[in-house]
Amino acid sequence: MGEGEDQLSELDQGWIKSLGHPIRVAILRRTLDGQATTPAALAEELEVPIQTIGYHVRFLRDAGQLTLVRTSQRRGAIAHHYRLKDPDATREALRRLGLSRVAALSLAVGASDPWDSLKRVLAVLRASREAQGISRDALARSVRISASQLASIERGEIDPRFTELAAIAHELGTTLGAVFTAAER
């Protein structure tokens, strides 16, 4: 087993699921400062629809990553304020997965379109596969997905799981941190 594989296997299933979507990664990175924030503020900052942010905030709350710290009245509605439950554990999980550097993932604050960032990451993975002369079938077999699923991932037609991206990067001899950095260029 390689070093990246050892590090990935040390993470508990909760972290793997929590980091399983780029928007959740962006939310966790945004809340690392320890300040309470609302889904509405996150939606505005990350330029993602409030319904989408609301779904991912609830997911992170249910997974035990975010905690509700207070509610407040806001224009006739109740605003929910969340904070990271354990910022140190979050930093460590992001570090171990190569996602800790601010430049590594453009889904962080200020990204104009999270899906464009993800498509750039997928393009880097595909280019790496092709440059190494690895067939789609061979890579798909080694990461235990179908060749058609890998093709759909590479074309940006489906939203890949974090574990799939990590496995693809590992089989290509790199880390997700390196892939995200290359996608930034």
Protein backbone atom coordinates (compact mmCIF):
# COMPACT_ATOMS: atom_id res chain seq x y z
CA MET A 1 0.00 0.00 0.00
CA GLY A 2 1.37 3.46 -0.90
CA GLU A 3 1.77 6.39 1.45
CA GLY A 4 -1.33 8.22 0.13
CA GLU A 5 -3.38 5.06 0.54
CA ASP A 6 -2.22 4.68 4.17
CA GLN A 7 -3.21 8.25 4.94
CA LEU A 8 -6.58 7.91 3.28
CA SER A 9 -7.39 4.67 5.10
CA GLU A 10 -6.72 6.35 8.47
CA LEU A 11 -9.63 8.72 7.96
CA ASP A 12 -12.89 7.61 9.46
CA GLN A 13 -15.93 7.20 7.21
CA GLY A 14 -17.47 10.43 8.52
CA TRP A 15 -14.60 12.52 7.21
CA ILE A 16 -14.56 10.76 3.88
CA LYS A 17 -18.26 11.49 3.43
CA SER A 18 -17.91 15.05 4.71
CA LEU A 19 -15.17 15.75 2.18
CA GLY A 20 -17.06 13.88 -0.53
CA HIS A 21 -18.33 16.96 -2.33
CA PRO A 22 -16.41 20.08 -3.39
CA ILE A 23 -19.04 22.41 -1.91
CA ARG A 24 -18.70 20.71 1.49
CA VAL A 25 -14.93 21.13 1.26
CA ALA A 26 -15.45 24.83 0.49
CA ILE A 27 -17.84 25.22 3.46
CA LEU A 28 -15.43 23.49 5.83
CA ARG A 29 -12.52 25.60 4.58
CA ARG A 30 -14.59 28.76 4.93
CA THR A 31 -15.51 27.96 8.54
CA LEU A 32 -11.92 27.18 9.64
CA ASP A 33 -11.64 30.69 11.09
CA GLY A 34 -13.91 29.65 13.97
CA GLN A 35 -16.46 32.37 13.30
CA ALA A 36 -20.15 31.49 13.22
CA THR A 37 -21.78 31.87 9.83
CA THR A 38 -25.16 31.32 8.23
CA PRO A 39 -26.10 29.34 5.13
CA ALA A 40 -27.20 32.63 3.52
CA ALA A 41 -23.76 34.17 4.10
CA LEU A 42 -22.06 31.06 2.73
CA ALA A 43 -24.30 31.06 -0.34
CA GLU A 44 -23.44 34.68 -1.08
CA GLU A 45 -19.72 34.21 -0.44
CA LEU A 46 -19.37 30.99 -2.44
CA GLU A 47 -21.83 32.10 -5.13
CA VAL A 48 -23.85 28.90 -4.81
CA PRO A 49 -27.67 28.79 -4.52
CA ILE A 50 -28.96 28.91 -0.94
CA GLN A 51 -30.85 25.64 -1.39
CA THR A 52 -27.64 23.86 -2.35
CA ILE A 53 -25.69 25.39 0.54
CA GLY A 54 -28.55 24.58 2.93
CA TYR A 55 -28.43 20.92 1.90
CA HIS A 56 -24.66 20.68 2.42
CA VAL A 57 -24.74 22.58 5.74
CA ARG A 58 -27.38 20.15 7.04
CA PHE A 59 -25.26 17.25 5.80
CA LEU A 60 -22.22 18.59 7.68
CA ARG A 61 -24.32 19.26 10.78
CA ASP A 62 -25.73 15.72 10.73
CA ALA A 63 -22.21 14.33 10.20
CA GLY A 64 -21.05 16.16 13.33
CA GLN A 65 -18.73 18.59 11.54
CA LEU A 66 -20.80 21.74 12.08
CA THR A 67 -22.70 22.71 15.17
CA LEU A 68 -25.61 25.15 15.55
CA VAL A 69 -24.45 27.88 17.93
CA ARG A 70 -27.41 30.25 17.86
CA THR A 71 -30.46 31.42 15.96
CA SER A 72 -31.54 34.98 15.27
CA GLN A 73 -34.51 36.78 13.75
CA ARG A 74 -33.79 38.08 10.28
CA ARG A 75 -36.46 39.77 8.17
CA GLY A 76 -39.23 37.64 9.59
CA ALA A 77 -37.27 34.41 9.32
CA ILE A 78 -34.96 32.57 11.66
CA ALA A 79 -31.28 32.57 10.70
CA HIS A 80 -29.21 29.60 11.87
CA HIS A 81 -25.60 30.30 12.80
CA TYR A 82 -23.11 27.42 12.51
CA ARG A 83 -19.52 26.92 13.57
CA LEU A 84 -17.04 24.11 13.05
CA LYS A 85 -17.27 21.60 15.86
CA ASP A 86 -13.52 20.82 15.79
CA PRO A 87 -11.40 23.17 13.64
CA ASP A 88 -8.19 21.28 14.48
CA ALA A 89 -9.62 17.95 13.29
CA THR A 90 -10.88 19.66 10.13
CA ARG A 91 -7.47 21.20 9.42
CA GLU A 92 -5.83 17.81 9.98
CA ALA A 93 -8.27 16.01 7.65
CA LEU A 94 -7.74 18.62 4.93
CA ARG A 95 -3.96 18.42 5.41
CA ARG A 96 -3.86 14.63 5.22
CA LEU A 97 -5.84 14.70 2.01
CA GLY A 98 -3.72 17.41 0.39
CA LEU A 99 -6.46 20.02 0.51
CA SER A 100 -5.05 22.32 3.18
CA ARG A 101 -3.38 24.99 1.07
CA VAL A 102 -5.61 27.92 0.22
CA ALA A 103 -4.44 27.86 -3.41
CA ALA A 104 -5.11 24.15 -3.72
CA LEU A 105 -8.84 24.33 -4.21
CA SER A 106 -10.47 27.25 -6.02
CA LEU A 107 -13.85 26.30 -4.60
CA ALA A 108 -12.82 28.28 -1.55
CA VAL A 109 -14.10 31.80 -0.98
CA GLY A 110 -14.24 33.92 -4.10
CA ALA A 111 -14.51 31.21 -6.72
CA SER A 112 -16.66 32.39 -9.58
CA ASP A 113 -18.05 28.97 -10.44
CA PRO A 114 -17.33 25.83 -8.39
CA TRP A 115 -18.22 23.56 -11.31
CA ASP A 116 -15.63 25.24 -13.56
CA SER A 117 -13.01 24.47 -10.90
CA LEU A 118 -14.09 20.85 -10.70
CA LYS A 119 -14.00 20.53 -14.51
CA ARG A 120 -10.42 21.86 -14.52
CA VAL A 121 -9.47 19.23 -11.93
CA LEU A 122 -11.06 16.52 -14.05
CA ALA A 123 -9.22 17.77 -17.13
CA VAL A 124 -5.90 17.54 -15.25
CA LEU A 125 -6.67 13.95 -14.23
CA ARG A 126 -7.61 12.99 -17.78
CA ALA A 127 -4.52 14.65 -19.26
CA SER A 128 -2.34 12.81 -16.72
CA ARG A 129 -3.94 9.48 -17.64
CA GLU A 130 -3.45 10.11 -21.33
CA ALA A 131 0.14 11.35 -20.90
CA GLN A 132 1.02 8.16 -19.03
CA GLY A 133 -0.58 6.03 -21.73
CA ILE A 134 -3.02 4.43 -19.30
CA SER A 135 -6.23 3.25 -20.91
CA ARG A 136 -9.55 4.29 -19.47
CA ASP A 137 -10.45 0.62 -18.98
CA ALA A 138 -7.27 -0.12 -17.03
CA LEU A 139 -7.65 2.90 -14.77
CA ALA A 140 -11.33 2.18 -14.18
CA ARG A 141 -10.54 -1.41 -13.17
CA SER A 142 -7.85 -0.29 -10.73
CA VAL A 143 -10.15 2.23 -9.02
CA ARG A 144 -13.09 -0.22 -9.10
CA ILE A 145 -15.49 1.77 -11.24
CA SER A 146 -16.80 1.10 -14.73
CA ALA A 147 -15.06 2.51 -17.79
CA SER A 148 -18.25 4.34 -18.74
CA GLN A 149 -18.42 5.92 -15.28
CA LEU A 150 -14.80 7.04 -15.59
CA ALA A 151 -15.58 8.49 -19.02
CA SER A 152 -18.53 10.41 -17.57
CA ILE A 153 -16.35 11.69 -14.72
CA GLU A 154 -13.62 12.83 -17.11
CA ARG A 155 -16.16 14.66 -19.28
CA GLY A 156 -17.66 16.37 -16.22
CA GLU A 157 -21.07 14.81 -16.84
CA ILE A 158 -21.42 13.39 -13.34
CA ASP A 159 -20.40 14.70 -9.93
CA PRO A 160 -17.65 12.34 -8.72
CA ARG A 161 -17.24 11.25 -5.12
CA PHE A 162 -14.18 12.47 -3.30
CA THR A 163 -13.07 8.89 -2.79
CA GLU A 164 -13.21 8.30 -6.56
CA LEU A 165 -11.08 11.39 -7.24
CA ALA A 166 -8.58 10.36 -4.55
CA ALA A 167 -8.35 6.83 -5.97
CA ILE A 168 -7.89 8.11 -9.53
CA ALA A 169 -5.15 10.53 -8.43
CA HIS A 170 -3.43 7.80 -6.42
CA GLU A 171 -3.44 5.37 -9.37
CA LEU A 172 -1.94 8.12 -11.53
CA GLY A 173 0.89 8.54 -9.03
CA THR A 174 -0.15 11.90 -7.61
CA THR A 175 -2.21 13.47 -4.84
CA LEU A 176 -5.37 15.50 -5.01
CA GLY A 177 -3.47 18.48 -3.64
CA ALA A 178 -1.09 18.35 -6.61
CA VAL A 179 -4.01 17.94 -9.02
CA PHE A 180 -5.87 20.93 -7.54
CA THR A 181 -2.71 23.02 -7.70
CA ALA A 182 -2.17 22.08 -11.36
CA ALA A 183 -5.81 22.97 -12.10
CA GLU A 184 -5.23 26.45 -10.67
CA ARG A 185 -2.57 27.28 -13.28
